[in-house]
């Protein structure tokens, strides 16, 4: 990137470190920002600085929050007997958007991935077990992603949790609403057949 001025090259390089941003997208974003008024760039940099300065992980569930413990953990309307385990804070947000779940959460901050050197000690598994020792929970819902790492994490956790909790369940997997069978992969279609329910 010797043909770019040094500040431009540095911004392109910094943007490439973001997930899903390759060299071309980083260049496009950089030149987009160069065209915008200075106050927009300042607002963006201030927003990034504020999120880094003000956001922490909840000491109870490990979701991202401004206040510790977070609003979900302190909400008396939430069912403390139900605990939903997710990989990342954005997974928690996806479940919240459904409006279907009113229990509490535990965020692992990752998934088991031996190829990437991520083992149980790198996740918030110890903290999950400690919560279950001090908190009466009837059901733990394993809502890890339906990929190899998520499945491995769910199987590992299920073995650990069965002796501690009455019910350990896994979110259902299968075809998305509005999807066509011909476009579904074999694993998804197989899981949807396994998870079939009686029609009433």
C-alpha atoms as a PDB file:
ATOM      1  CA  UNK A   1       0.000   0.000   0.000  1.00  0.00           C
ATOM      2  CA  UNK A   2       2.986   2.273  -0.589  1.00  0.00           C
ATOM      3  CA  UNK A   3       0.961   4.218  -3.175  1.00  0.00           C
ATOM      4  CA  UNK A   4      -1.486   5.449  -0.487  1.00  0.00           C
ATOM      5  CA  UNK A   5      -0.650   8.250   1.933  1.00  0.00           C
ATOM      6  CA  UNK A   6       0.342   6.770   5.298  1.00  0.00           C
ATOM      7  CA  UNK A   7      -2.897   7.712   7.196  1.00  0.00           C
ATOM      8  CA  UNK A   8      -5.019   6.143   4.421  1.00  0.00           C
ATOM      9  CA  UNK A   9      -2.916   2.966   4.421  1.00  0.00           C
ATOM     10  CA  UNK A  10      -3.169   2.740   8.219  1.00  0.00           C
ATOM     11  CA  UNK A  11      -6.975   3.057   8.135  1.00  0.00           C
ATOM     12  CA  UNK A  12      -7.270   0.402   5.399  1.00  0.00           C
ATOM     13  CA  UNK A  13      -5.037  -1.903   7.432  1.00  0.00           C
ATOM     14  CA  UNK A  14      -7.061  -1.266  10.612  1.00  0.00           C
ATOM     15  CA  UNK A  15     -10.399  -1.916   8.873  1.00  0.00           C
ATOM     16  CA  UNK A  16      -9.120  -5.217   7.454  1.00  0.00           C
ATOM     17  CA  UNK A  17      -8.819  -6.514  11.026  1.00  0.00           C
ATOM     18  CA  UNK A  18     -12.610  -6.404  11.376  1.00  0.00           C
ATOM     19  CA  UNK A  19     -14.454  -9.688  10.710  1.00  0.00           C
ATOM     20  CA  UNK A  20     -15.703 -10.062   7.146  1.00  0.00           C
ATOM     21  CA  UNK A  21     -13.716  -7.069   5.865  1.00  0.00           C
ATOM     22  CA  UNK A  22     -11.214  -7.886   3.134  1.00  0.00           C
ATOM     23  CA  UNK A  23      -8.768  -5.524   1.398  1.00  0.00           C
ATOM     24  CA  UNK A  24     -11.257  -4.239  -1.203  1.00  0.00           C
ATOM     25  CA  UNK A  25     -14.022  -3.577   1.337  1.00  0.00           C
ATOM     26  CA  UNK A  26     -11.505  -1.856   3.632  1.00  0.00           C
ATOM     27  CA  UNK A  27     -10.465   0.400   0.735  1.00  0.00           C
ATOM     28  CA  UNK A  28     -14.105   1.160  -0.134  1.00  0.00           C
ATOM     29  CA  UNK A  29     -14.894   2.047   3.495  1.00  0.00           C
ATOM     30  CA  UNK A  30     -11.797   4.227   3.766  1.00  0.00           C
ATOM     31  CA  UNK A  31     -12.638   6.224   0.656  1.00  0.00           C
ATOM     32  CA  UNK A  32     -16.279   6.471   1.738  1.00  0.00           C
ATOM     33  CA  UNK A  33     -15.128   7.983   5.049  1.00  0.00           C
ATOM     34  CA  UNK A  34     -12.805  10.404   3.205  1.00  0.00           C
ATOM     35  CA  UNK A  35     -15.804  11.757   1.275  1.00  0.00           C
ATOM     36  CA  UNK A  36     -17.920  12.297   4.411  1.00  0.00           C
ATOM     37  CA  UNK A  37     -17.891  15.522   6.451  1.00  0.00           C
ATOM     38  CA  UNK A  38     -15.247  15.588   9.221  1.00  0.00           C
ATOM     39  CA  UNK A  39     -17.896  15.556  11.974  1.00  0.00           C
ATOM     40  CA  UNK A  40     -19.160  12.154  10.773  1.00  0.00           C
ATOM     41  CA  UNK A  41     -15.683  10.651  11.056  1.00  0.00           C
ATOM     42  CA  UNK A  42     -15.288  12.253  14.477  1.00  0.00           C
ATOM     43  CA  UNK A  43     -18.667  10.862  15.610  1.00  0.00           C
ATOM     44  CA  UNK A  44     -17.645   7.378  14.434  1.00  0.00           C
ATOM     45  CA  UNK A  45     -14.297   7.487  16.241  1.00  0.00           C
ATOM     46  CA  UNK A  46     -15.985   8.820  19.411  1.00  0.00           C
ATOM     47  CA  UNK A  47     -18.604   6.044  19.279  1.00  0.00           C
ATOM     48  CA  UNK A  48     -15.846   3.418  19.022  1.00  0.00           C
ATOM     49  CA  UNK A  49     -13.900   5.010  21.910  1.00  0.00           C
ATOM     50  CA  UNK A  50     -17.058   5.215  24.088  1.00  0.00           C
ATOM     51  CA  UNK A  51     -18.031   1.590  23.520  1.00  0.00           C
ATOM     52  CA  UNK A  52     -14.524   0.489  24.504  1.00  0.00           C
ATOM     53  CA  UNK A  53     -14.521   2.731  27.589  1.00  0.00           C
ATOM     54  CA  UNK A  54     -18.073   2.152  28.859  1.00  0.00           C
ATOM     55  CA  UNK A  55     -19.048  -1.404  27.925  1.00  0.00           C
ATOM     56  CA  UNK A  56     -18.068  -4.332  30.157  1.00  0.00           C
ATOM     57  CA  UNK A  57     -19.137  -7.956  30.493  1.00  0.00           C
ATOM     58  CA  UNK A  58     -21.790  -8.584  33.141  1.00  0.00           C
ATOM     59  CA  UNK A  59     -20.185 -10.332  36.117  1.00  0.00           C
ATOM     60  CA  UNK A  60     -23.164 -12.727  36.315  1.00  0.00           C
ATOM     61  CA  UNK A  61     -24.063 -13.704  32.731  1.00  0.00           C
ATOM     62  CA  UNK A  62     -21.154 -12.185  30.701  1.00  0.00           C
ATOM     63  CA  UNK A  63     -23.423 -10.272  28.339  1.00  0.00           C
ATOM     64  CA  UNK A  64     -22.208  -6.825  27.279  1.00  0.00           C
ATOM     65  CA  UNK A  65     -23.529  -4.052  29.507  1.00  0.00           C
ATOM     66  CA  UNK A  66     -23.047  -0.508  30.786  1.00  0.00           C
ATOM     67  CA  UNK A  67     -24.157  -1.480  34.294  1.00  0.00           C
ATOM     68  CA  UNK A  68     -23.023  -4.529  36.242  1.00  0.00           C
ATOM     69  CA  UNK A  69     -24.980  -6.721  36.744  1.00  0.00           C
ATOM     70  CA  UNK A  70     -26.865  -6.197  33.496  1.00  0.00           C
ATOM     71  CA  UNK A  71     -30.545  -5.313  33.098  1.00  0.00           C
ATOM     72  CA  UNK A  72     -31.549  -8.889  32.229  1.00  0.00           C
ATOM     73  CA  UNK A  73     -29.867 -10.326  35.344  1.00  0.00           C
ATOM     74  CA  UNK A  74     -31.524  -7.725  37.601  1.00  0.00           C
ATOM     75  CA  UNK A  75     -34.982  -7.861  35.977  1.00  0.00           C
ATOM     76  CA  UNK A  76     -37.382  -9.370  38.573  1.00  0.00           C
ATOM     77  CA  UNK A  77     -39.837 -10.294  35.781  1.00  0.00           C
ATOM     78  CA  UNK A  78     -37.301 -12.771  34.364  1.00  0.00           C
ATOM     79  CA  UNK A  79     -37.658 -16.443  35.308  1.00  0.00           C
ATOM     80  CA  UNK A  80     -34.572 -17.321  37.397  1.00  0.00           C
ATOM     81  CA  UNK A  81     -35.353 -21.058  37.060  1.00  0.00           C
ATOM     82  CA  UNK A  82     -34.600 -21.033  33.311  1.00  0.00           C
ATOM     83  CA  UNK A  83     -31.106 -20.400  31.965  1.00  0.00           C
ATOM     84  CA  UNK A  84     -30.315 -20.124  28.257  1.00  0.00           C
ATOM     85  CA  UNK A  85     -26.652 -20.703  27.332  1.00  0.00           C
ATOM     86  CA  UNK A  86     -25.414 -18.904  24.208  1.00  0.00           C
ATOM     87  CA  UNK A  87     -21.991 -18.505  22.598  1.00  0.00           C
ATOM     88  CA  UNK A  88     -21.838 -14.728  22.130  1.00  0.00           C
ATOM     89  CA  UNK A  89     -23.741 -11.575  23.171  1.00  0.00           C
ATOM     90  CA  UNK A  90     -25.140 -11.193  19.630  1.00  0.00           C
ATOM     91  CA  UNK A  91     -26.743 -14.668  19.996  1.00  0.00           C
ATOM     92  CA  UNK A  92     -28.479 -13.435  23.159  1.00  0.00           C
ATOM     93  CA  UNK A  93     -29.747 -10.434  21.213  1.00  0.00           C
ATOM     94  CA  UNK A  94     -31.106 -12.709  18.462  1.00  0.00           C
ATOM     95  CA  UNK A  95     -33.075 -14.734  21.033  1.00  0.00           C
ATOM     96  CA  UNK A  96     -34.326 -11.560  22.736  1.00  0.00           C
ATOM     97  CA  UNK A  97     -35.626 -10.260  19.403  1.00  0.00           C
ATOM     98  CA  UNK A  98     -37.975 -13.261  19.149  1.00  0.00           C
ATOM     99  CA  UNK A  99     -39.787 -12.182  22.327  1.00  0.00           C
ATOM    100  CA  UNK A 100     -40.281 -15.890  23.115  1.00  0.00           C
ATOM    101  CA  UNK A 101     -37.873 -16.338  26.030  1.00  0.00           C
ATOM    102  CA  UNK A 102     -38.306 -14.740  29.460  1.00  0.00           C
ATOM    103  CA  UNK A 103     -35.609 -16.505  31.468  1.00  0.00           C
ATOM    104  CA  UNK A 104     -32.010 -15.554  32.167  1.00  0.00           C
ATOM    105  CA  UNK A 105     -28.837 -16.130  30.137  1.00  0.00           C
ATOM    106  CA  UNK A 106     -25.259 -17.295  30.356  1.00  0.00           C
ATOM    107  CA  UNK A 107     -22.851 -16.167  27.612  1.00  0.00           C
ATOM    108  CA  UNK A 108     -19.878 -18.488  27.039  1.00  0.00           C
ATOM    109  CA  UNK A 109     -17.914 -15.900  25.003  1.00  0.00           C
ATOM    110  CA  UNK A 110     -17.025 -18.525  22.408  1.00  0.00           C
ATOM    111  CA  UNK A 111     -17.374 -22.192  21.494  1.00  0.00           C
ATOM    112  CA  UNK A 112     -15.116 -25.214  21.757  1.00  0.00           C
ATOM    113  CA  UNK A 113     -12.735 -25.330  18.806  1.00  0.00           C
ATOM    114  CA  UNK A 114      -9.697 -27.588  19.302  1.00  0.00           C
ATOM    115  CA  UNK A 115      -8.319 -26.624  15.867  1.00  0.00           C
ATOM    116  CA  UNK A 116      -8.202 -22.995  17.022  1.00  0.00           C
ATOM    117  CA  UNK A 117      -6.860 -23.956  20.444  1.00  0.00           C
ATOM    118  CA  UNK A 118     -10.116 -23.052  22.250  1.00  0.00           C
ATOM    119  CA  UNK A 119     -10.889 -25.457  25.080  1.00  0.00           C
ATOM    120  CA  UNK A 120     -13.353 -25.383  28.009  1.00  0.00           C
ATOM    121  CA  UNK A 121     -10.936 -23.295  30.090  1.00  0.00           C
ATOM    122  CA  UNK A 122     -11.177 -20.522  27.464  1.00  0.00           C
ATOM    123  CA  UNK A 123     -14.963 -20.260  27.847  1.00  0.00           C
ATOM    124  CA  UNK A 124     -17.140 -19.216  30.796  1.00  0.00           C
ATOM    125  CA  UNK A 125     -17.875 -22.850  31.735  1.00  0.00           C
ATOM    126  CA  UNK A 126     -16.497 -22.652  35.305  1.00  0.00           C
ATOM    127  CA  UNK A 127     -18.683 -19.623  35.933  1.00  0.00           C
ATOM    128  CA  UNK A 128     -21.734 -21.475  34.569  1.00  0.00           C
ATOM    129  CA  UNK A 129     -21.135 -24.387  36.944  1.00  0.00           C
ATOM    130  CA  UNK A 130     -20.634 -21.965  39.848  1.00  0.00           C
ATOM    131  CA  UNK A 131     -23.961 -20.280  39.027  1.00  0.00           C
ATOM    132  CA  UNK A 132     -25.756 -23.602  39.064  1.00  0.00           C
ATOM    133  CA  UNK A 133     -24.321 -24.418  42.494  1.00  0.00           C
ATOM    134  CA  UNK A 134     -25.724 -21.213  44.019  1.00  0.00           C
ATOM    135  CA  UNK A 135     -28.872 -20.708  41.921  1.00  0.00           C
ATOM    136  CA  UNK A 136     -31.842 -23.094  41.731  1.00  0.00           C
ATOM    137  CA  UNK A 137     -32.361 -23.734  37.996  1.00  0.00           C
ATOM    138  CA  UNK A 138     -34.945 -26.165  36.591  1.00  0.00           C
ATOM    139  CA  UNK A 139     -33.883 -26.020  32.939  1.00  0.00           C
ATOM    140  CA  UNK A 140     -30.756 -25.118  31.020  1.00  0.00           C
ATOM    141  CA  UNK A 141     -31.366 -24.474  27.320  1.00  0.00           C
ATOM    142  CA  UNK A 142     -28.269 -24.994  25.178  1.00  0.00           C
ATOM    143  CA  UNK A 143     -28.584 -22.454  22.379  1.00  0.00           C
ATOM    144  CA  UNK A 144     -25.178 -22.833  20.765  1.00  0.00           C
ATOM    145  CA  UNK A 145     -24.849 -22.498  17.003  1.00  0.00           C
ATOM    146  CA  UNK A 146     -25.786 -25.480  14.785  1.00  0.00           C
ATOM    147  CA  UNK A 147     -22.232 -25.938  13.481  1.00  0.00           C
ATOM    148  CA  UNK A 148     -19.421 -28.325  14.424  1.00  0.00           C
ATOM    149  CA  UNK A 149     -18.113 -26.095  17.238  1.00  0.00           C
ATOM    150  CA  UNK A 150     -21.587 -25.348  18.585  1.00  0.00           C
ATOM    151  CA  UNK A 151     -22.582 -29.008  18.563  1.00  0.00           C
ATOM    152  CA  UNK A 152     -19.353 -30.027  20.322  1.00  0.00           C
ATOM    153  CA  UNK A 153     -19.931 -27.324  22.933  1.00  0.00           C
ATOM    154  CA  UNK A 154     -23.551 -28.410  23.510  1.00  0.00           C
ATOM    155  CA  UNK A 155     -22.576 -32.102  23.890  1.00  0.00           C
ATOM    156  CA  UNK A 156     -19.758 -31.221  26.297  1.00  0.00           C
ATOM    157  CA  UNK A 157     -22.009 -28.982  28.405  1.00  0.00           C
ATOM    158  CA  UNK A 158     -24.892 -31.470  28.439  1.00  0.00           C
ATOM    159  CA  UNK A 159     -22.626 -34.107  30.017  1.00  0.00           C
ATOM    160  CA  UNK A 160     -21.477 -31.638  32.679  1.00  0.00           C
ATOM    161  CA  UNK A 161     -24.932 -30.232  33.420  1.00  0.00           C
ATOM    162  CA  UNK A 162     -27.138 -33.347  33.559  1.00  0.00           C
ATOM    163  CA  UNK A 163     -26.139 -34.199  37.159  1.00  0.00           C
ATOM    164  CA  UNK A 164     -26.811 -30.587  38.267  1.00  0.00           C
ATOM    165  CA  UNK A 165     -30.075 -29.631  36.540  1.00  0.00           C
ATOM    166  CA  UNK A 166     -33.479 -31.254  36.128  1.00  0.00           C
ATOM    167  CA  UNK A 167     -33.717 -30.569  32.389  1.00  0.00           C
ATOM    168  CA  UNK A 168     -30.967 -29.902  29.866  1.00  0.00           C
ATOM    169  CA  UNK A 169     -32.497 -29.097  26.474  1.00  0.00           C
ATOM    170  CA  UNK A 170     -31.162 -28.093  23.074  1.00  0.00           C
ATOM    171  CA  UNK A 171     -32.812 -25.594  20.755  1.00  0.00           C
ATOM    172  CA  UNK A 172     -34.490 -27.265  17.791  1.00  0.00           C
ATOM    173  CA  UNK A 173     -32.711 -27.191  14.475  1.00  0.00           C
ATOM    174  CA  UNK A 174     -34.170 -27.489  11.030  1.00  0.00           C
ATOM    175  CA  UNK A 175     -35.545 -25.650   8.049  1.00  0.00           C
ATOM    176  CA  UNK A 176     -36.011 -21.892   8.207  1.00  0.00           C
ATOM    177  CA  UNK A 177     -39.528 -20.563   7.776  1.00  0.00           C
ATOM    178  CA  UNK A 178     -40.034 -19.763   4.104  1.00  0.00           C
ATOM    179  CA  UNK A 179     -37.195 -22.036   2.978  1.00  0.00           C
ATOM    180  CA  UNK A 180     -37.509 -24.524   0.115  1.00  0.00           C
ATOM    181  CA  UNK A 181     -36.620 -28.187   0.680  1.00  0.00           C
ATOM    182  CA  UNK A 182     -34.541 -28.366  -2.488  1.00  0.00           C
ATOM    183  CA  UNK A 183     -32.168 -25.688  -1.172  1.00  0.00           C
ATOM    184  CA  UNK A 184     -31.684 -27.256   2.284  1.00  0.00           C
ATOM    185  CA  UNK A 185     -28.457 -29.102   2.980  1.00  0.00           C
ATOM    186  CA  UNK A 186     -28.626 -32.741   4.069  1.00  0.00           C
ATOM    187  CA  UNK A 187     -27.706 -32.080   7.713  1.00  0.00           C
ATOM    188  CA  UNK A 188     -30.393 -29.410   8.126  1.00  0.00           C
ATOM    189  CA  UNK A 189     -33.020 -31.546   6.414  1.00  0.00           C
ATOM    190  CA  UNK A 190     -32.014 -34.568   8.523  1.00  0.00           C
ATOM    191  CA  UNK A 191     -32.247 -32.529  11.735  1.00  0.00           C
ATOM    192  CA  UNK A 192     -35.649 -31.191  10.736  1.00  0.00           C
ATOM    193  CA  UNK A 193     -36.881 -34.771  10.255  1.00  0.00           C
ATOM    194  CA  UNK A 194     -35.455 -35.810  13.633  1.00  0.00           C
ATOM    195  CA  UNK A 195     -37.099 -32.853  15.359  1.00  0.00           C
ATOM    196  CA  UNK A 196     -40.537 -33.416  13.863  1.00  0.00           C
ATOM    197  CA  UNK A 197     -43.576 -32.996  16.130  1.00  0.00           C
ATOM    198  CA  UNK A 198     -47.066 -34.443  16.200  1.00  0.00           C
ATOM    199  CA  UNK A 199     -49.522 -32.234  14.332  1.00  0.00           C
ATOM    200  CA  UNK A 200     -52.674 -31.547  16.301  1.00  0.00           C
END
